[in-house]
Amino acid sequence: MDKASLLGEVIRHLKELKRNAAQACEGLIIPNDNDEISVEEQEGGVNGFPYSIKASLCCEYQPGLLSNIRQALDALHLIIMKADIATFGGRMRNVFVVISCEEHNFDAAEYRQFLAGSVHQALKSVLNRFSVSQDMLGARKRRRISIFSSSSLEDFL
């Protein structure tokens, strides 16, 4: 077998493994490598409420993130009915099912779209706030140098 056909076979096998892994993880809450936000309207509701929203946020774990998400959802007068949180390798995925605690006409499609858009924007602002603060901290951090290390002297020469 020549190198080109072997490489083609390896690529085909890797694609098959990736497809199998995606199928095996379907339905599981596993953080991935990309920051992402998704918001879905759900019919049928939760606990007798006619309408709910399922929101998902995947990002790097940072202290205070859950508190800020809670504050953002509280500002929209939403109640978290269910929360699933998974962490893996410094990343986290948060899946929330929320309902509105205010009386509204849930049959109005415009209101549902507005509410889902508001949830998406609130999660996006929380994610942006944390990424900006991390960028600023990274810019302000200074490299620590030990004068007792022989390799640190080489950095200055």
Protein backbone atom coordinates (compact mmCIF):
# COMPACT_ATOMS: atom_id res chain seq x y z
CA MET A 1 0.00 0.00 0.00
CA ASP A 2 1.45 3.38 -0.98
CA LYS A 3 1.60 6.41 1.35
CA ALA A 4 -1.29 8.31 -0.30
CA SER A 5 -3.75 5.42 0.00
CA LEU A 6 -2.63 4.77 3.58
CA LEU A 7 -3.17 8.42 4.47
CA GLY A 8 -6.60 8.34 2.82
CA GLU A 9 -7.53 5.25 4.85
CA VAL A 10 -6.38 6.90 8.08
CA ILE A 11 -8.44 10.03 7.34
CA ARG A 12 -11.53 7.93 6.56
CA HIS A 13 -11.07 5.98 9.80
CA LEU A 14 -10.65 9.19 11.85
CA LYS A 15 -13.86 10.63 10.38
CA GLU A 16 -15.69 7.43 11.28
CA LEU A 17 -14.34 7.57 14.85
CA LYS A 18 -15.38 11.21 15.18
CA ARG A 19 -18.89 10.38 13.93
CA ASN A 20 -19.13 7.46 16.40
CA ALA A 21 -17.96 9.66 19.28
CA ALA A 22 -20.55 12.31 18.41
CA GLN A 23 -23.29 9.68 18.40
CA ALA A 24 -22.11 8.24 21.72
CA CYS A 25 -22.13 11.70 23.35
CA GLU A 26 -25.56 12.62 22.01
CA GLY A 27 -27.80 13.62 24.90
CA LEU A 28 -24.90 14.01 27.33
CA ILE A 29 -23.81 17.35 28.71
CA ILE A 30 -20.13 17.50 27.87
CA PRO A 31 -18.24 20.79 27.55
CA ASN A 32 -16.53 21.27 24.21
CA ASP A 33 -13.58 23.45 23.20
CA ASN A 34 -15.61 26.35 21.81
CA ASP A 35 -17.47 29.04 23.73
CA GLU A 36 -21.11 28.81 22.73
CA ILE A 37 -24.56 29.94 23.78
CA SER A 38 -27.82 28.38 22.69
CA VAL A 39 -31.37 29.30 23.63
CA GLU A 40 -34.43 27.25 22.68
CA GLU A 41 -38.10 27.88 23.29
CA GLN A 42 -39.85 24.83 24.74
CA GLU A 43 -43.52 24.05 24.45
CA GLY A 44 -45.16 21.98 27.13
CA GLY A 45 -43.45 23.86 29.91
CA VAL A 46 -42.30 22.66 33.30
CA ASN A 47 -44.28 22.06 36.53
CA GLY A 48 -47.55 23.28 35.07
CA PHE A 49 -46.12 26.39 33.39
CA PRO A 50 -47.13 26.50 29.74
CA TYR A 51 -43.84 27.82 28.38
CA SER A 52 -40.16 27.48 29.27
CA ILE A 53 -36.78 28.30 27.78
CA LYS A 54 -33.79 25.98 27.67
CA ALA A 55 -30.52 27.93 27.67
CA SER A 56 -27.03 26.49 27.38
CA LEU A 57 -23.67 28.17 27.94
CA CYS A 58 -20.30 26.50 27.34
CA CYS A 59 -17.11 28.33 28.34
CA GLU A 60 -13.99 28.28 30.49
CA TYR A 61 -14.75 27.91 34.19
CA GLN A 62 -14.23 31.11 36.16
CA PRO A 63 -15.13 31.85 39.77
CA GLY A 64 -18.29 33.93 40.02
CA LEU A 65 -19.65 32.86 36.64
CA LEU A 66 -22.67 31.02 38.05
CA SER A 67 -23.51 33.93 40.31
CA ASN A 68 -23.43 36.35 37.37
CA ILE A 69 -25.62 34.05 35.27
CA ARG A 70 -28.12 33.89 38.13
CA GLN A 71 -28.14 37.69 38.46
CA ALA A 72 -28.63 38.14 34.72
CA LEU A 73 -31.61 35.76 34.68
CA ASP A 74 -33.07 37.34 37.83
CA ALA A 75 -32.90 40.75 36.12
CA LEU A 76 -35.16 39.33 33.39
CA HIS A 77 -37.62 38.11 36.07
CA LEU A 78 -36.94 34.48 35.24
CA ILE A 79 -36.90 31.52 37.60
CA ILE A 80 -34.44 28.68 37.11
CA MET A 81 -36.48 25.48 37.28
CA LYS A 82 -33.67 23.09 36.39
CA ALA A 83 -29.91 23.40 36.08
CA ASP A 84 -27.44 20.85 34.78
CA ILE A 85 -23.77 21.69 35.05
CA ALA A 86 -20.85 19.65 33.76
CA THR A 87 -17.14 20.42 33.95
CA PHE A 88 -14.22 18.86 32.15
CA GLY A 89 -10.63 20.03 31.89
CA GLY A 90 -11.27 23.61 33.02
CA ARG A 91 -14.33 23.99 30.75
CA MET A 92 -17.93 23.98 31.84
CA ARG A 93 -21.34 23.58 30.25
CA ASN A 94 -24.40 24.99 32.01
CA VAL A 95 -27.88 24.02 30.84
CA PHE A 96 -30.78 25.91 32.43
CA VAL A 97 -34.52 25.56 32.04
CA VAL A 98 -36.14 28.86 33.01
CA ILE A 99 -39.69 30.19 33.24
CA SER A 100 -41.03 33.71 33.53
CA CYS A 101 -42.38 34.69 36.94
CA GLU A 102 -44.46 37.49 35.43
CA GLU A 103 -47.93 37.16 33.92
CA HIS A 104 -47.76 37.42 30.15
CA ASN A 105 -49.67 36.15 27.19
CA PHE A 106 -47.49 33.17 26.29
CA ASP A 107 -49.51 32.57 23.15
CA ALA A 108 -47.92 35.69 21.67
CA ALA A 109 -45.05 34.49 19.50
CA GLU A 110 -43.46 37.94 19.60
CA TYR A 111 -43.15 37.87 23.38
CA ARG A 112 -41.62 34.38 23.31
CA GLN A 113 -39.07 35.45 20.73
CA PHE A 114 -38.31 38.61 22.70
CA LEU A 115 -37.81 36.60 25.90
CA ALA A 116 -35.56 34.03 24.19
CA GLY A 117 -33.52 36.84 22.61
CA SER A 118 -33.22 38.57 25.98
CA VAL A 119 -31.91 35.38 27.60
CA HIS A 120 -29.38 34.94 24.79
CA GLN A 121 -28.21 38.55 25.12
CA ALA A 122 -27.94 38.26 28.93
CA LEU A 123 -25.78 35.12 28.69
CA LYS A 124 -23.68 36.72 25.97
CA SER A 125 -23.02 39.78 28.14
CA VAL A 126 -21.99 37.57 31.09
CA LEU A 127 -19.63 35.60 28.85
CA ASN A 128 -18.18 38.80 27.35
CA ARG A 129 -17.70 40.36 30.78
CA PHE A 130 -15.67 37.37 31.95
CA SER A 131 -13.59 37.17 28.79
CA VAL A 132 -12.79 40.91 28.97
CA SER A 133 -11.80 40.67 32.63
CA GLN A 134 -9.58 37.65 31.87
CA ASP A 135 -7.92 39.55 29.01
CA MET A 136 -7.25 42.53 31.29
CA LEU A 137 -5.83 40.31 34.02
CA GLY A 138 -3.57 38.60 31.51
CA ALA A 139 -2.25 41.95 30.29
CA ARG A 140 -1.52 43.15 33.82
CA LYS A 141 0.21 40.00 35.05
CA ARG A 142 3.97 40.21 35.24
CA ARG A 143 6.23 37.27 34.75
CA ARG A 144 7.70 35.98 37.98
CA ILE A 145 11.44 35.61 37.96
CA SER A 146 13.42 33.65 40.47
CA ILE A 147 16.93 34.98 40.99
CA PHE A 148 17.99 31.56 42.25
CA SER A 149 17.29 29.82 38.96
CA SER A 150 20.13 29.57 36.48
CA SER A 151 17.69 29.54 33.56
CA SER A 152 16.22 32.91 34.57
CA LEU A 153 19.61 34.58 34.06
CA GLU A 154 19.70 33.31 30.49
CA ASP A 155 16.40 35.13 29.80
CA PHE A 156 18.12 38.47 30.47
CA LEU A 157 21.25 37.83 28.39
